C-alpha atoms as a PDB file:
ATOM      1  CA  MET A   1      35.428 -36.475 -18.772  1.00  0.00           C
ATOM      2  CA  ASN A   2      33.010 -35.990 -15.888  1.00  0.00           C
ATOM      3  CA  VAL A   3      30.386 -38.469 -14.719  1.00  0.00           C
ATOM      4  CA  PHE A   4      27.670 -37.305 -12.352  1.00  0.00           C
ATOM      5  CA  LEU A   5      25.563 -39.892 -10.506  1.00  0.00           C
ATOM      6  CA  ILE A   6      22.032 -38.929  -9.524  1.00  0.00           C
ATOM      7  CA  GLY A   7      19.189 -40.914  -7.989  1.00  0.00           C
ATOM      8  CA  PRO A   8      17.394 -41.555  -4.726  1.00  0.00           C
ATOM      9  CA  MET A   9      19.053 -42.386  -1.442  1.00  0.00           C
ATOM     10  CA  GLY A  10      20.046 -46.013  -1.310  1.00  0.00           C
ATOM     11  CA  ALA A  11      20.506 -46.336  -5.087  1.00  0.00           C
ATOM     12  CA  GLY A  12      24.241 -46.953  -4.657  1.00  0.00           C
ATOM     13  CA  LYS A  13      25.635 -43.636  -5.876  1.00  0.00           C
ATOM     14  CA  SER A  14      28.573 -43.545  -3.447  1.00  0.00           C
ATOM     15  CA  THR A  15      29.484 -47.222  -3.796  1.00  0.00           C
ATOM     16  CA  ILE A  16      29.167 -47.242  -7.581  1.00  0.00           C
ATOM     17  CA  GLY A  17      30.873 -43.847  -7.797  1.00  0.00           C
ATOM     18  CA  ARG A  18      33.974 -45.106  -5.984  1.00  0.00           C
ATOM     19  CA  LEU A  19      34.202 -48.201  -8.173  1.00  0.00           C
ATOM     20  CA  LEU A  20      33.573 -46.211 -11.354  1.00  0.00           C
ATOM     21  CA  SER A  21      36.253 -43.667 -10.468  1.00  0.00           C
ATOM     22  CA  GLN A  22      38.758 -46.488  -9.988  1.00  0.00           C
ATOM     23  CA  GLU A  23      37.765 -48.126 -13.274  1.00  0.00           C
ATOM     24  CA  LEU A  24      38.087 -44.853 -15.198  1.00  0.00           C
ATOM     25  CA  ALA A  25      41.087 -43.525 -13.220  1.00  0.00           C
ATOM     26  CA  LEU A  26      39.141 -40.383 -12.285  1.00  0.00           C
ATOM     27  CA  ALA A  27      38.939 -38.558  -8.955  1.00  0.00           C
ATOM     28  CA  PHE A  28      35.880 -39.414  -6.843  1.00  0.00           C
ATOM     29  CA  HIS A  29      33.815 -36.806  -5.010  1.00  0.00           C
ATOM     30  CA  ASP A  30      30.647 -37.133  -2.953  1.00  0.00           C
ATOM     31  CA  SER A  31      28.678 -33.897  -2.636  1.00  0.00           C
ATOM     32  CA  ASP A  32      27.214 -34.873   0.760  1.00  0.00           C
ATOM     33  CA  ARG A  33      30.670 -35.627   2.201  1.00  0.00           C
ATOM     34  CA  GLU A  34      31.960 -32.348   0.753  1.00  0.00           C
ATOM     35  CA  ILE A  35      29.121 -30.425   2.408  1.00  0.00           C
ATOM     36  CA  GLU A  36      29.891 -32.095   5.750  1.00  0.00           C
ATOM     37  CA  ALA A  37      33.607 -31.309   5.422  1.00  0.00           C
ATOM     38  CA  ARG A  38      32.904 -27.655   4.634  1.00  0.00           C
ATOM     39  CA  ALA A  39      30.376 -27.324   7.465  1.00  0.00           C
ATOM     40  CA  GLY A  40      32.475 -29.231   9.973  1.00  0.00           C
ATOM     41  CA  THR A  41      29.444 -31.280  10.970  1.00  0.00           C
ATOM     42  CA  ASN A  42      27.059 -33.932   9.673  1.00  0.00           C
ATOM     43  CA  ILE A  43      23.994 -33.520   7.474  1.00  0.00           C
ATOM     44  CA  PRO A  44      21.422 -34.253  10.223  1.00  0.00           C
ATOM     45  CA  TRP A  45      22.889 -31.354  12.249  1.00  0.00           C
ATOM     46  CA  ILE A  46      22.673 -29.037   9.217  1.00  0.00           C
ATOM     47  CA  PHE A  47      19.012 -30.047   8.724  1.00  0.00           C
ATOM     48  CA  ASP A  48      18.279 -29.481  12.438  1.00  0.00           C
ATOM     49  CA  VAL A  49      19.919 -26.058  12.609  1.00  0.00           C
ATOM     50  CA  GLU A  50      19.449 -24.628   9.098  1.00  0.00           C
ATOM     51  CA  GLY A  51      16.505 -26.643   7.824  1.00  0.00           C
ATOM     52  CA  GLU A  52      16.275 -28.291   4.434  1.00  0.00           C
ATOM     53  CA  ASP A  53      16.557 -24.948   2.629  1.00  0.00           C
ATOM     54  CA  GLY A  54      19.859 -24.195   4.368  1.00  0.00           C
ATOM     55  CA  PHE A  55      21.155 -27.595   3.390  1.00  0.00           C
ATOM     56  CA  ARG A  56      20.007 -27.136  -0.235  1.00  0.00           C
ATOM     57  CA  GLN A  57      21.869 -23.803  -0.416  1.00  0.00           C
ATOM     58  CA  ARG A  58      25.055 -25.527   0.740  1.00  0.00           C
ATOM     59  CA  GLU A  59      24.416 -28.349  -1.730  1.00  0.00           C
ATOM     60  CA  GLU A  60      23.919 -25.927  -4.623  1.00  0.00           C
ATOM     61  CA  ALA A  61      27.266 -24.226  -3.901  1.00  0.00           C
ATOM     62  CA  ALA A  62      29.069 -27.569  -3.579  1.00  0.00           C
ATOM     63  CA  ILE A  63      27.635 -28.967  -6.815  1.00  0.00           C
ATOM     64  CA  ASP A  64      28.448 -25.790  -8.720  1.00  0.00           C
ATOM     65  CA  GLU A  65      32.054 -25.946  -7.543  1.00  0.00           C
ATOM     66  CA  LEU A  66      32.558 -29.705  -7.878  1.00  0.00           C
ATOM     67  CA  SER A  67      30.945 -29.921 -11.323  1.00  0.00           C
ATOM     68  CA  ARG A  68      33.470 -27.360 -12.615  1.00  0.00           C
ATOM     69  CA  LEU A  69      36.323 -29.784 -11.923  1.00  0.00           C
ATOM     70  CA  ASP A  70      37.682 -31.946 -14.726  1.00  0.00           C
ATOM     71  CA  ASN A  71      37.960 -35.717 -14.836  1.00  0.00           C
ATOM     72  CA  ILE A  72      35.788 -36.599 -11.854  1.00  0.00           C
ATOM     73  CA  VAL A  73      33.029 -38.943 -10.810  1.00  0.00           C
ATOM     74  CA  LEU A  74      30.567 -37.125  -8.549  1.00  0.00           C
ATOM     75  CA  ALA A  75      27.952 -38.843  -6.394  1.00  0.00           C
ATOM     76  CA  THR A  76      25.218 -36.328  -5.612  1.00  0.00           C
ATOM     77  CA  GLY A  77      22.645 -36.355  -2.846  1.00  0.00           C
ATOM     78  CA  GLY A  78      19.181 -37.668  -3.633  1.00  0.00           C
ATOM     79  CA  GLY A  79      17.645 -34.182  -3.635  1.00  0.00           C
ATOM     80  CA  ALA A  80      20.308 -32.477  -5.734  1.00  0.00           C
ATOM     81  CA  VAL A  81      17.964 -32.408  -8.730  1.00  0.00           C
ATOM     82  CA  LEU A  82      15.412 -30.273  -6.888  1.00  0.00           C
ATOM     83  CA  ARG A  83      17.223 -27.079  -7.833  1.00  0.00           C
ATOM     84  CA  GLU A  84      17.136 -26.179 -11.504  1.00  0.00           C
ATOM     85  CA  SER A  85      20.637 -24.709 -11.324  1.00  0.00           C
ATOM     86  CA  ASN A  86      22.011 -28.069 -10.148  1.00  0.00           C
ATOM     87  CA  ARG A  87      20.328 -29.896 -13.028  1.00  0.00           C
ATOM     88  CA  ARG A  88      21.656 -27.328 -15.494  1.00  0.00           C
ATOM     89  CA  HIS A  89      25.234 -27.528 -14.137  1.00  0.00           C
ATOM     90  CA  LEU A  90      25.277 -31.319 -14.156  1.00  0.00           C
ATOM     91  CA  GLN A  91      23.846 -31.570 -17.670  1.00  0.00           C
ATOM     92  CA  SER A  92      26.219 -29.010 -19.174  1.00  0.00           C
ATOM     93  CA  ARG A  93      29.405 -30.194 -17.441  1.00  0.00           C
ATOM     94  CA  GLY A  94      29.374 -33.969 -17.835  1.00  0.00           C
ATOM     95  CA  THR A  95      27.481 -37.201 -18.392  1.00  0.00           C
ATOM     96  CA  VAL A  96      24.571 -37.656 -15.984  1.00  0.00           C
ATOM     97  CA  VAL A  97      23.713 -41.212 -14.918  1.00  0.00           C
ATOM     98  CA  TYR A  98      20.459 -41.881 -13.065  1.00  0.00           C
ATOM     99  CA  LEU A  99      20.811 -44.874 -10.749  1.00  0.00           C
ATOM    100  CA  HIS A 100      17.221 -46.051 -10.419  1.00  0.00           C
ATOM    101  CA  THR A 101      16.098 -48.351  -7.609  1.00  0.00           C
ATOM    102  CA  SER A 102      12.856 -49.543  -6.054  1.00  0.00           C
ATOM    103  CA  ILE A 103      11.380 -48.364  -2.757  1.00  0.00           C
ATOM    104  CA  ASP A 104      11.932 -51.856  -1.307  1.00  0.00           C
ATOM    105  CA  GLN A 105      15.613 -51.738  -2.232  1.00  0.00           C
ATOM    106  CA  GLN A 106      15.936 -48.233  -0.773  1.00  0.00           C
ATOM    107  CA  LEU A 107      14.372 -49.372   2.507  1.00  0.00           C
ATOM    108  CA  GLU A 108      16.692 -52.365   2.677  1.00  0.00           C
ATOM    109  CA  ARG A 109      19.818 -50.302   1.968  1.00  0.00           C
ATOM    110  CA  THR A 110      18.965 -47.412   4.317  1.00  0.00           C
ATOM    111  CA  ALA A 111      17.324 -49.297   7.220  1.00  0.00           C
ATOM    112  CA  LYS A 112      20.184 -48.835   9.681  1.00  0.00           C
ATOM    113  CA  ASP A 113      21.500 -45.499   8.395  1.00  0.00           C
ATOM    114  CA  ARG A 114      20.809 -42.711  10.920  1.00  0.00           C
ATOM    115  CA  ASN A 115      22.532 -40.122   8.716  1.00  0.00           C
ATOM    116  CA  ARG A 116      19.423 -39.619   6.549  1.00  0.00           C
ATOM    117  CA  PRO A 117      17.287 -36.937   8.193  1.00  0.00           C
ATOM    118  CA  LEU A 118      14.328 -37.314   5.843  1.00  0.00           C
ATOM    119  CA  LEU A 119      13.910 -40.968   6.888  1.00  0.00           C
ATOM    120  CA  GLN A 120      13.852 -40.379  10.644  1.00  0.00           C
ATOM    121  CA  THR A 121      10.099 -40.827  10.746  1.00  0.00           C
ATOM    122  CA  GLU A 122       7.430 -43.385  11.685  1.00  0.00           C
ATOM    123  CA  ASN A 123       6.813 -44.343   8.059  1.00  0.00           C
ATOM    124  CA  PRO A 124       9.976 -44.186   5.933  1.00  0.00           C
ATOM    125  CA  ARG A 125       8.207 -46.020   3.061  1.00  0.00           C
ATOM    126  CA  ALA A 126       5.670 -43.200   2.724  1.00  0.00           C
ATOM    127  CA  VAL A 127       8.498 -40.643   2.732  1.00  0.00           C
ATOM    128  CA  LEU A 128      10.405 -42.527   0.024  1.00  0.00           C
ATOM    129  CA  GLU A 129       7.253 -42.885  -2.082  1.00  0.00           C
ATOM    130  CA  ALA A 130       6.584 -39.142  -1.854  1.00  0.00           C
ATOM    131  CA  LEU A 131      10.210 -38.308  -2.662  1.00  0.00           C
ATOM    132  CA  ILE A 132      10.341 -40.524  -5.744  1.00  0.00           C
ATOM    133  CA  ALA A 133       6.999 -39.181  -6.998  1.00  0.00           C
ATOM    134  CA  GLU A 134       8.468 -35.670  -6.867  1.00  0.00           C
ATOM    135  CA  ARG A 135      12.015 -36.432  -7.978  1.00  0.00           C
ATOM    136  CA  ASP A 136      11.778 -39.230 -10.568  1.00  0.00           C
ATOM    137  CA  PRO A 137      10.594 -36.874 -13.349  1.00  0.00           C
ATOM    138  CA  LEU A 138      13.522 -34.551 -12.509  1.00  0.00           C
ATOM    139  CA  TYR A 139      16.042 -37.416 -12.548  1.00  0.00           C
ATOM    140  CA  ARG A 140      14.700 -38.571 -15.898  1.00  0.00           C
ATOM    141  CA  SER A 141      14.656 -35.073 -17.394  1.00  0.00           C
ATOM    142  CA  CYS A 142      18.365 -34.483 -16.864  1.00  0.00           C
ATOM    143  CA  CYS A 143      19.996 -37.897 -17.265  1.00  0.00           C
ATOM    144  CA  ASP A 144      21.935 -39.203 -20.238  1.00  0.00           C
ATOM    145  CA  LEU A 145      21.638 -42.790 -19.003  1.00  0.00           C
ATOM    146  CA  LEU A 146      19.209 -44.554 -16.654  1.00  0.00           C
ATOM    147  CA  ILE A 147      20.403 -47.778 -15.030  1.00  0.00           C
ATOM    148  CA  LYS A 148      18.348 -49.952 -12.688  1.00  0.00           C
ATOM    149  CA  THR A 149      20.412 -51.051  -9.690  1.00  0.00           C
ATOM    150  CA  ASP A 150      17.947 -53.368  -7.921  1.00  0.00           C
ATOM    151  CA  ARG A 151      19.487 -56.711  -6.986  1.00  0.00           C
ATOM    152  CA  ARG A 152      22.546 -55.959  -9.120  1.00  0.00           C
ATOM    153  CA  HIS A 153      26.161 -56.172  -8.101  1.00  0.00           C
ATOM    154  CA  PRO A 154      27.796 -52.735  -8.191  1.00  0.00           C
ATOM    155  CA  ARG A 155      30.518 -54.036 -10.542  1.00  0.00           C
ATOM    156  CA  GLY A 156      27.877 -54.946 -13.152  1.00  0.00           C
ATOM    157  CA  VAL A 157      26.392 -51.448 -12.946  1.00  0.00           C
ATOM    158  CA  VAL A 158      29.875 -49.938 -13.344  1.00  0.00           C
ATOM    159  CA  ASN A 159      30.500 -52.112 -16.419  1.00  0.00           C
ATOM    160  CA  ASP A 160      27.243 -50.880 -17.990  1.00  0.00           C
ATOM    161  CA  ILE A 161      28.205 -47.245 -17.362  1.00  0.00           C
ATOM    162  CA  VAL A 162      31.686 -47.765 -18.829  1.00  0.00           C
ATOM    163  CA  ARG A 163      30.214 -49.375 -21.973  1.00  0.00           C
ATOM    164  CA  PHE A 164      27.857 -46.415 -22.374  1.00  0.00           C
ATOM    165  CA  LEU A 165      30.662 -43.889 -21.912  1.00  0.00           C
ATOM    166  CA  LYS A 166      32.854 -45.636 -24.487  1.00  0.00           C
ATOM    167  CA  ARG A 167      30.039 -45.371 -27.038  1.00  0.00           C
ATOM    168  CA  GLN A 168      29.657 -41.645 -26.245  1.00  0.00           C
ATOM    169  CA  GLN A 169      33.324 -40.701 -26.621  1.00  0.00           C
ATOM    170  CA  PRO A 170      34.335 -39.453 -30.068  1.00  0.00           C
ATOM    171  CA  LEU A 171      37.108 -41.417 -31.726  1.00  0.00           C
ATOM    172  CA  LYS A 172      40.448 -39.670 -31.488  1.00  0.00           C
ATOM    173  CA  ASN A 173      42.488 -39.224 -34.642  1.00  0.00           C
ATOM    174  CA  THR A 174      45.961 -40.654 -34.074  1.00  0.00           C
ATOM    175  CA  ASP A 175      47.460 -39.315 -37.329  1.00  0.00           C
END
């Protein structure tokens, strides 16, 4: 079983992913942390030196590799759905859960985070609004489950995902 978490920055993918992996006894991976480990540096540096396209190439390779693993929970970066190959890999290799959140919640959760290059601007709200306008249809097109995370405790979101997964799993014959 693989569970892939998609959604905008600040939706709770990493936090919920860790809790979900513990609940399901699956390995947890975060594609952004994997990219940083492979590059030996942080994402803002990659954006500065290689640009967004360079980062997206690294992300595509990481998602292809990580999504081939078995029995994992993977938290993806907010822009992972921009590449069709990423959407295809996620859809064909596991259950895709879209963690949906409002712009206000995103701003609240990312306000002090300097590790988000796209938000290092005068008007982060405008950036988030533009990103969600572009990405929301992509998130929706490839998810098996959409869960709203606004003002919800991560444990409640995890419980909803687990209930969904239990309904999706075929019954095993014990004869």
